Structures are given as C-alpha cells and as structure tokens.
Amino acid sequence: MIHHVSVGTNDVSRARTFYDAVLPVLGLRLLNGSADSADYGVGAFLFSVETPVDGAPAAAGNGVHIAFSAGRRAMVDQFYEVALQHGGRDAGAPGSRPEYDGNYYGAFVLDPDGNKIEAVTYSSK
C-alpha cells in the first residue's frame, strides 16, 4: 500500500499556487508548507511537492504520472479547468478512456514543473 507520493519542484511558491487551487477540487488540502515543500492530504499527508534534497534541479519523470481519485465526472472536468487556469498544461482533456475500462473517465495535465497528474473516476455521473 502506498503511504504518500512526492514530486519535485524548482519553485515551491509557484507549485503551491497551482496545487493550492487544484487539489481542493479533489478533497485534498494543504497540511504543511515550508520554503522547501508543501504537503497535501486529508488528515495524514498523501501527496507532496518539494525541492530535491540532493540540491539538483527537479525534473519530471518521463512515463510517470500520479492519478488522483475523483468522485464524479464533474470533479474531473473542474480539476482540468482549474489546473489550466493556474499554470497547468493540457496532457489529455476530460473524457472517457475505454481503452482502460468502459467506465474510466479522466483528465491529464502537466503541472508548472512538468509533472503529469490525472483526475479519474469510474462514476457514470
């Protein structure tokens, strides 16, 4: 079982502007923030964005993405719109993805550092 996931950033303030707007759409909130990281979750932290501890520049992983669960299709749509309004870039507009599952509905964006994130639901509503 996964405890939490972290992605790198080269600018925590810019990342917070993006994630502080996007993650509440999915029910996550900022639990702890510092000059080096921001931790989001519900009770316990589940996701963080942080500067690399080795001091090297952060780089997005090719082929890596993080999918956040959304309760409804409207949440997926809102996630996508809010992400684009806050510095995210399109990586796959909201829609059905029958190649994954007949009920799979998701949207993909790149955060300001190029990390690929997704909101997904299996709900038909």
N, C-alpha and C. Protein backbone atom coordinates (compact mmCIF):
# COMPACT_ATOMS: atom_id res chain seq x y z
N MET A 1 0.84 -1.17 0.00
CA MET A 1 0.00 0.00 0.00
C MET A 1 0.89 1.24 0.00
N ILE A 2 0.53 2.22 -0.79
CA ILE A 2 1.31 3.45 -0.87
C ILE A 2 0.91 4.39 0.27
N HIS A 3 1.92 4.93 0.94
CA HIS A 3 1.69 5.87 2.04
C HIS A 3 1.53 7.29 1.51
N HIS A 4 2.45 7.72 0.63
CA HIS A 4 2.37 9.04 0.01
C HIS A 4 3.27 9.07 -1.22
N VAL A 5 3.08 10.09 -2.02
CA VAL A 5 3.86 10.28 -3.23
C VAL A 5 4.37 11.71 -3.23
N SER A 6 5.60 11.90 -3.68
CA SER A 6 6.18 13.23 -3.79
C SER A 6 6.66 13.46 -5.21
N VAL A 7 6.54 14.71 -5.66
CA VAL A 7 7.12 15.12 -6.94
C VAL A 7 8.01 16.32 -6.67
N GLY A 8 8.94 16.52 -7.55
CA GLY A 8 9.89 17.61 -7.39
C GLY A 8 9.41 18.92 -8.00
N THR A 9 9.93 20.00 -7.44
CA THR A 9 9.68 21.34 -7.99
C THR A 9 10.95 22.16 -7.87
N ASN A 10 11.07 23.11 -8.76
CA ASN A 10 12.17 24.07 -8.69
C ASN A 10 11.70 25.39 -8.09
N ASP A 11 10.41 25.50 -7.79
CA ASP A 11 9.84 26.73 -7.25
C ASP A 11 8.61 26.36 -6.41
N VAL A 12 8.82 26.20 -5.11
CA VAL A 12 7.73 25.78 -4.21
C VAL A 12 6.58 26.77 -4.24
N SER A 13 6.87 28.05 -4.27
CA SER A 13 5.81 29.06 -4.28
C SER A 13 4.93 28.91 -5.53
N ARG A 14 5.54 28.74 -6.68
CA ARG A 14 4.78 28.55 -7.92
C ARG A 14 3.99 27.25 -7.86
N ALA A 15 4.60 26.20 -7.35
CA ALA A 15 3.91 24.91 -7.22
C ALA A 15 2.71 25.04 -6.28
N ARG A 16 2.87 25.76 -5.19
CA ARG A 16 1.76 25.95 -4.25
C ARG A 16 0.61 26.71 -4.90
N THR A 17 0.92 27.72 -5.70
CA THR A 17 -0.14 28.45 -6.40
C THR A 17 -0.98 27.48 -7.22
N PHE A 18 -0.33 26.54 -7.89
CA PHE A 18 -1.01 25.54 -8.70
C PHE A 18 -1.76 24.53 -7.82
N TYR A 19 -1.06 23.85 -6.92
CA TYR A 19 -1.66 22.77 -6.14
C TYR A 19 -2.66 23.27 -5.09
N ASP A 20 -2.46 24.46 -4.53
CA ASP A 20 -3.43 25.01 -3.59
C ASP A 20 -4.79 25.24 -4.26
N ALA A 21 -4.79 25.45 -5.56
CA ALA A 21 -6.05 25.64 -6.31
C ALA A 21 -6.61 24.32 -6.81
N VAL A 22 -5.75 23.42 -7.28
CA VAL A 22 -6.19 22.20 -7.95
C VAL A 22 -6.63 21.10 -6.97
N LEU A 23 -5.85 20.84 -5.94
CA LEU A 23 -6.13 19.69 -5.09
C LEU A 23 -7.40 19.81 -4.25
N PRO A 24 -7.82 21.00 -3.81
CA PRO A 24 -9.10 21.07 -3.10
C PRO A 24 -10.30 20.61 -3.94
N VAL A 25 -10.20 20.71 -5.25
CA VAL A 25 -11.26 20.21 -6.13
C VAL A 25 -11.49 18.72 -5.86
N LEU A 26 -10.42 18.01 -5.48
CA LEU A 26 -10.48 16.57 -5.25
C LEU A 26 -10.56 16.22 -3.77
N GLY A 27 -10.73 17.23 -2.92
CA GLY A 27 -10.91 16.98 -1.49
C GLY A 27 -9.63 16.98 -0.68
N LEU A 28 -8.49 17.33 -1.28
CA LEU A 28 -7.24 17.39 -0.54
C LEU A 28 -6.96 18.84 -0.14
N ARG A 29 -6.30 19.03 1.00
CA ARG A 29 -5.96 20.38 1.45
C ARG A 29 -4.51 20.42 1.88
N LEU A 30 -3.96 21.63 1.92
CA LEU A 30 -2.60 21.83 2.39
C LEU A 30 -2.54 21.52 3.88
N LEU A 31 -1.65 20.60 4.26
CA LEU A 31 -1.48 20.24 5.67
C LEU A 31 -0.25 20.90 6.27
N ASN A 32 0.78 21.11 5.46
CA ASN A 32 2.03 21.68 5.93
C ASN A 32 2.75 22.31 4.75
N GLY A 33 3.25 23.51 4.95
CA GLY A 33 4.00 24.16 3.89
C GLY A 33 5.24 24.82 4.46
N SER A 34 6.31 24.77 3.70
CA SER A 34 7.56 25.42 4.09
C SER A 34 8.21 25.97 2.83
N ALA A 35 9.40 26.53 2.98
CA ALA A 35 10.13 27.04 1.82
C ALA A 35 10.58 25.91 0.91
N ASP A 36 10.65 24.68 1.43
CA ASP A 36 11.15 23.54 0.67
C ASP A 36 10.09 22.55 0.22
N SER A 37 8.88 22.60 0.79
CA SER A 37 7.88 21.61 0.41
C SER A 37 6.48 22.07 0.78
N ALA A 38 5.51 21.37 0.19
CA ALA A 38 4.10 21.54 0.53
C ALA A 38 3.50 20.15 0.57
N ASP A 39 2.80 19.84 1.66
CA ASP A 39 2.21 18.52 1.87
C ASP A 39 0.69 18.63 1.88
N TYR A 40 0.04 17.76 1.11
CA TYR A 40 -1.41 17.79 0.97
C TYR A 40 -2.00 16.45 1.39
N GLY A 41 -3.24 16.50 1.87
CA GLY A 41 -3.91 15.27 2.22
C GLY A 41 -5.23 15.55 2.89
N VAL A 42 -5.70 14.53 3.62
CA VAL A 42 -6.90 14.60 4.42
C VAL A 42 -6.54 13.90 5.71
N GLY A 43 -6.26 14.64 6.76
CA GLY A 43 -5.78 14.03 7.99
C GLY A 43 -4.29 13.78 7.90
N ALA A 44 -3.90 12.67 7.29
CA ALA A 44 -2.49 12.36 7.04
C ALA A 44 -2.12 12.85 5.64
N PHE A 45 -0.85 13.17 5.43
CA PHE A 45 -0.48 13.66 4.11
C PHE A 45 -0.34 12.50 3.13
N LEU A 46 -0.77 12.76 1.90
CA LEU A 46 -0.79 11.76 0.85
C LEU A 46 0.09 12.15 -0.33
N PHE A 47 0.29 13.45 -0.52
CA PHE A 47 0.99 13.96 -1.69
C PHE A 47 1.80 15.18 -1.29
N SER A 48 3.02 15.26 -1.78
CA SER A 48 3.83 16.45 -1.51
C SER A 48 4.56 16.87 -2.78
N VAL A 49 4.86 18.14 -2.81
CA VAL A 49 5.69 18.72 -3.86
C VAL A 49 6.84 19.39 -3.13
N GLU A 50 8.07 19.09 -3.57
CA GLU A 50 9.22 19.54 -2.79
C GLU A 50 10.45 19.73 -3.66
N THR A 51 11.37 20.54 -3.14
CA THR A 51 12.65 20.68 -3.82
C THR A 51 13.48 19.43 -3.52
N PRO A 52 14.25 18.95 -4.49
CA PRO A 52 15.04 17.73 -4.27
C PRO A 52 16.06 17.93 -3.14
N VAL A 53 16.16 16.92 -2.28
CA VAL A 53 17.07 17.01 -1.12
C VAL A 53 18.54 16.99 -1.54
N ASP A 54 18.84 16.50 -2.74
CA ASP A 54 20.23 16.47 -3.18
C ASP A 54 20.70 17.79 -3.77
N GLY A 55 19.79 18.78 -3.85
CA GLY A 55 20.17 20.09 -4.35
C GLY A 55 20.19 20.21 -5.87
N ALA A 56 20.03 19.12 -6.58
CA ALA A 56 20.00 19.15 -8.04
C ALA A 56 18.63 19.66 -8.49
N PRO A 57 18.54 20.19 -9.71
CA PRO A 57 17.25 20.66 -10.20
C PRO A 57 16.23 19.52 -10.29
N ALA A 58 14.98 19.84 -9.99
CA ALA A 58 13.90 18.87 -10.15
C ALA A 58 13.64 18.66 -11.63
N ALA A 59 13.29 17.42 -11.98
CA ALA A 59 12.94 17.09 -13.36
C ALA A 59 11.78 16.09 -13.31
N ALA A 60 10.81 16.30 -14.20
CA ALA A 60 9.67 15.39 -14.28
C ALA A 60 10.11 14.06 -14.87
N GLY A 61 9.54 12.97 -14.38
CA GLY A 61 9.88 11.64 -14.88
C GLY A 61 9.10 11.32 -16.14
N ASN A 62 9.79 10.93 -17.18
CA ASN A 62 9.15 10.53 -18.43
C ASN A 62 8.45 9.19 -18.21
N GLY A 63 7.17 9.14 -18.47
CA GLY A 63 6.39 7.92 -18.27
C GLY A 63 5.77 7.81 -16.90
N VAL A 64 6.03 8.76 -16.02
CA VAL A 64 5.49 8.75 -14.66
C VAL A 64 4.30 9.71 -14.60
N HIS A 65 3.24 9.27 -13.95
CA HIS A 65 2.15 10.19 -13.63
C HIS A 65 1.46 9.72 -12.36
N ILE A 66 0.77 10.65 -11.73
CA ILE A 66 0.05 10.36 -10.50
C ILE A 66 -1.42 10.60 -10.77
N ALA A 67 -2.25 9.62 -10.45
CA ALA A 67 -3.69 9.72 -10.66
C ALA A 67 -4.38 9.92 -9.32
N PHE A 68 -5.19 10.97 -9.24
CA PHE A 68 -5.99 11.27 -8.06
C PHE A 68 -7.42 10.82 -8.32
N SER A 69 -8.03 10.20 -7.34
CA SER A 69 -9.40 9.73 -7.46
C SER A 69 -10.38 10.89 -7.34
N ALA A 70 -11.32 10.92 -8.26
CA ALA A 70 -12.39 11.92 -8.23
C ALA A 70 -13.71 11.19 -8.04
N GLY A 71 -14.62 11.79 -7.32
CA GLY A 71 -15.90 11.14 -7.04
C GLY A 71 -16.88 11.16 -8.20
N ARG A 72 -16.77 12.19 -9.03
CA ARG A 72 -17.72 12.36 -10.13
C ARG A 72 -17.01 12.92 -11.35
N ARG A 73 -17.63 12.79 -12.49
CA ARG A 73 -17.08 13.34 -13.73
C ARG A 73 -16.95 14.86 -13.66
N ALA A 74 -17.88 15.52 -13.00
CA ALA A 74 -17.81 16.98 -12.87
C ALA A 74 -16.54 17.39 -12.12
N MET A 75 -16.09 16.58 -11.18
CA MET A 75 -14.85 16.87 -10.45
C MET A 75 -13.65 16.75 -11.39
N VAL A 76 -13.67 15.76 -12.27
CA VAL A 76 -12.59 15.60 -13.26
C VAL A 76 -12.55 16.84 -14.16
N ASP A 77 -13.72 17.25 -14.63
CA ASP A 77 -13.80 18.42 -15.51
C ASP A 77 -13.29 19.67 -14.79
N GLN A 78 -13.70 19.85 -13.53
CA GLN A 78 -13.27 21.02 -12.76
C GLN A 78 -11.78 20.99 -12.48
N PHE A 79 -11.25 19.82 -12.13
CA PHE A 79 -9.81 19.63 -11.92
C PHE A 79 -9.04 20.14 -13.14
N TYR A 80 -9.47 19.72 -14.31
CA TYR A 80 -8.80 20.09 -15.56
C TYR A 80 -8.85 21.60 -15.79
N GLU A 81 -10.03 22.20 -15.64
CA GLU A 81 -10.19 23.64 -15.87
C GLU A 81 -9.38 24.45 -14.87
N VAL A 82 -9.44 24.09 -13.59
CA VAL A 82 -8.69 24.82 -12.56
C VAL A 82 -7.19 24.68 -12.81
N ALA A 83 -6.75 23.50 -13.18
CA ALA A 83 -5.33 23.28 -13.47
C ALA A 83 -4.86 24.19 -14.59
N LEU A 84 -5.61 24.27 -15.67
CA LEU A 84 -5.22 25.12 -16.80
C LEU A 84 -5.24 26.59 -16.42
N GLN A 85 -6.15 26.99 -15.54
CA GLN A 85 -6.24 28.39 -15.09
C GLN A 85 -5.09 28.77 -14.17
N HIS A 86 -4.40 27.77 -13.59
CA HIS A 86 -3.34 28.05 -12.62
C HIS A 86 -1.96 27.58 -13.08
N GLY A 87 -1.73 27.61 -14.36
CA GLY A 87 -0.39 27.33 -14.89
C GLY A 87 -0.16 25.92 -15.37
N GLY A 88 -1.17 25.07 -15.31
CA GLY A 88 -1.04 23.71 -15.84
C GLY A 88 -1.18 23.72 -17.35
N ARG A 89 -0.71 22.64 -17.97
CA ARG A 89 -0.82 22.48 -19.43
C ARG A 89 -1.57 21.19 -19.73
N ASP A 90 -2.33 21.23 -20.78
CA ASP A 90 -3.10 20.08 -21.22
C ASP A 90 -2.20 18.89 -21.54
N ALA A 91 -2.59 17.73 -21.05
CA ALA A 91 -1.92 16.47 -21.40
C ALA A 91 -2.96 15.40 -21.73
N GLY A 92 -4.23 15.82 -21.88
CA GLY A 92 -5.32 14.90 -22.19
C GLY A 92 -6.61 15.42 -21.60
N ALA A 93 -7.45 16.02 -22.42
CA ALA A 93 -8.69 16.65 -21.96
C ALA A 93 -9.61 15.63 -21.30
N PRO A 94 -10.55 16.10 -20.48
CA PRO A 94 -11.50 15.20 -19.84
C PRO A 94 -12.27 14.37 -20.86
N GLY A 95 -12.42 13.11 -20.55
CA GLY A 95 -13.18 12.24 -21.43
C GLY A 95 -13.08 10.79 -21.03
N SER A 96 -13.89 9.99 -21.69
CA SER A 96 -13.86 8.55 -21.47
C SER A 96 -12.58 7.98 -22.05
N ARG A 97 -12.07 6.95 -21.39
CA ARG A 97 -10.88 6.24 -21.86
C ARG A 97 -11.22 4.75 -21.90
N PRO A 98 -12.03 4.33 -22.88
CA PRO A 98 -12.48 2.93 -22.93
C PRO A 98 -11.33 1.94 -23.12
N GLU A 99 -10.18 2.42 -23.58
CA GLU A 99 -9.04 1.52 -23.70
C GLU A 99 -8.53 1.06 -22.33
N TYR A 100 -8.86 1.82 -21.26
CA TYR A 100 -8.51 1.44 -19.90
C TYR A 100 -9.62 0.63 -19.25
N ASP A 101 -10.87 1.12 -19.40
CA ASP A 101 -12.04 0.48 -18.81
C ASP A 101 -13.27 1.19 -19.39
N GLY A 102 -14.36 0.48 -19.53
CA GLY A 102 -15.56 1.06 -20.10
C GLY A 102 -16.12 2.23 -19.31
N ASN A 103 -15.82 2.32 -18.01
CA ASN A 103 -16.33 3.40 -17.17
C ASN A 103 -15.27 4.44 -16.81
N TYR A 104 -14.06 4.30 -17.35
CA TYR A 104 -12.95 5.18 -16.99
C TYR A 104 -13.15 6.56 -17.60
N TYR A 105 -13.14 7.59 -16.75
CA TYR A 105 -13.27 8.97 -17.20
C TYR A 105 -12.18 9.77 -16.53
N GLY A 106 -11.29 10.37 -17.29
CA GLY A 106 -10.16 11.05 -16.69
C GLY A 106 -9.70 12.25 -17.49
N ALA A 107 -8.82 13.02 -16.87
CA ALA A 107 -8.18 14.17 -17.49
C ALA A 107 -6.74 14.22 -17.01
N PHE A 108 -5.83 14.61 -17.90
CA PHE A 108 -4.41 14.68 -17.61
C PHE A 108 -3.91 16.11 -17.80
N VAL A 109 -3.06 16.56 -16.88
CA VAL A 109 -2.41 17.86 -17.01
C VAL A 109 -0.95 17.73 -16.59
N LEU A 110 -0.16 18.68 -17.04
CA LEU A 110 1.21 18.83 -16.58
C LEU A 110 1.24 20.01 -15.63
N ASP A 111 1.82 19.83 -14.44
CA ASP A 111 1.93 20.94 -13.50
C ASP A 111 3.00 21.91 -14.00
N PRO A 112 3.22 23.04 -13.32
CA PRO A 112 4.21 24.00 -13.81
C PRO A 112 5.64 23.46 -13.94
N ASP A 113 5.96 22.37 -13.24
CA ASP A 113 7.28 21.76 -13.36
C ASP A 113 7.32 20.62 -14.37
N GLY A 114 6.19 20.33 -15.00
CA GLY A 114 6.13 19.26 -15.99
C GLY A 114 5.73 17.91 -15.44
N ASN A 115 5.37 17.83 -14.15
CA ASN A 115 4.90 16.57 -13.57
C ASN A 115 3.49 16.29 -14.09
N LYS A 116 3.27 15.07 -14.56
CA LYS A 116 1.97 14.70 -15.13
C LYS A 116 1.07 14.18 -14.02
N ILE A 117 -0.10 14.82 -13.89
CA ILE A 117 -1.08 14.39 -12.91
C ILE A 117 -2.42 14.17 -13.61
N GLU A 118 -3.26 13.38 -12.98
CA GLU A 118 -4.54 12.99 -13.56
C GLU A 118 -5.60 13.01 -12.48
N ALA A 119 -6.83 13.29 -12.88
CA ALA A 119 -8.00 13.04 -12.04
C ALA A 119 -8.82 11.99 -12.78
N VAL A 120 -9.31 10.98 -12.05
CA VAL A 120 -10.03 9.87 -12.69
C VAL A 120 -11.21 9.44 -11.82
N THR A 121 -12.26 9.03 -12.50
CA THR A 121 -13.41 8.43 -11.83
C THR A 121 -13.94 7.29 -12.68
N TYR A 122 -14.62 6.37 -12.02
CA TYR A 122 -15.33 5.29 -12.71
C TYR A 122 -16.83 5.52 -12.65
N SER A 123 -17.23 6.66 -12.10
CA SER A 123 -18.64 7.01 -11.98
C SER A 123 -19.21 7.38 -13.35
N SER A 124 -20.45 7.04 -13.58
CA SER A 124 -21.11 7.42 -14.83
C SER A 124 -21.77 8.79 -14.71
N LYS A 125 -21.68 9.39 -13.53
CA LYS A 125 -22.30 10.71 -13.30
C LYS A 125 -21.28 11.80 -13.19
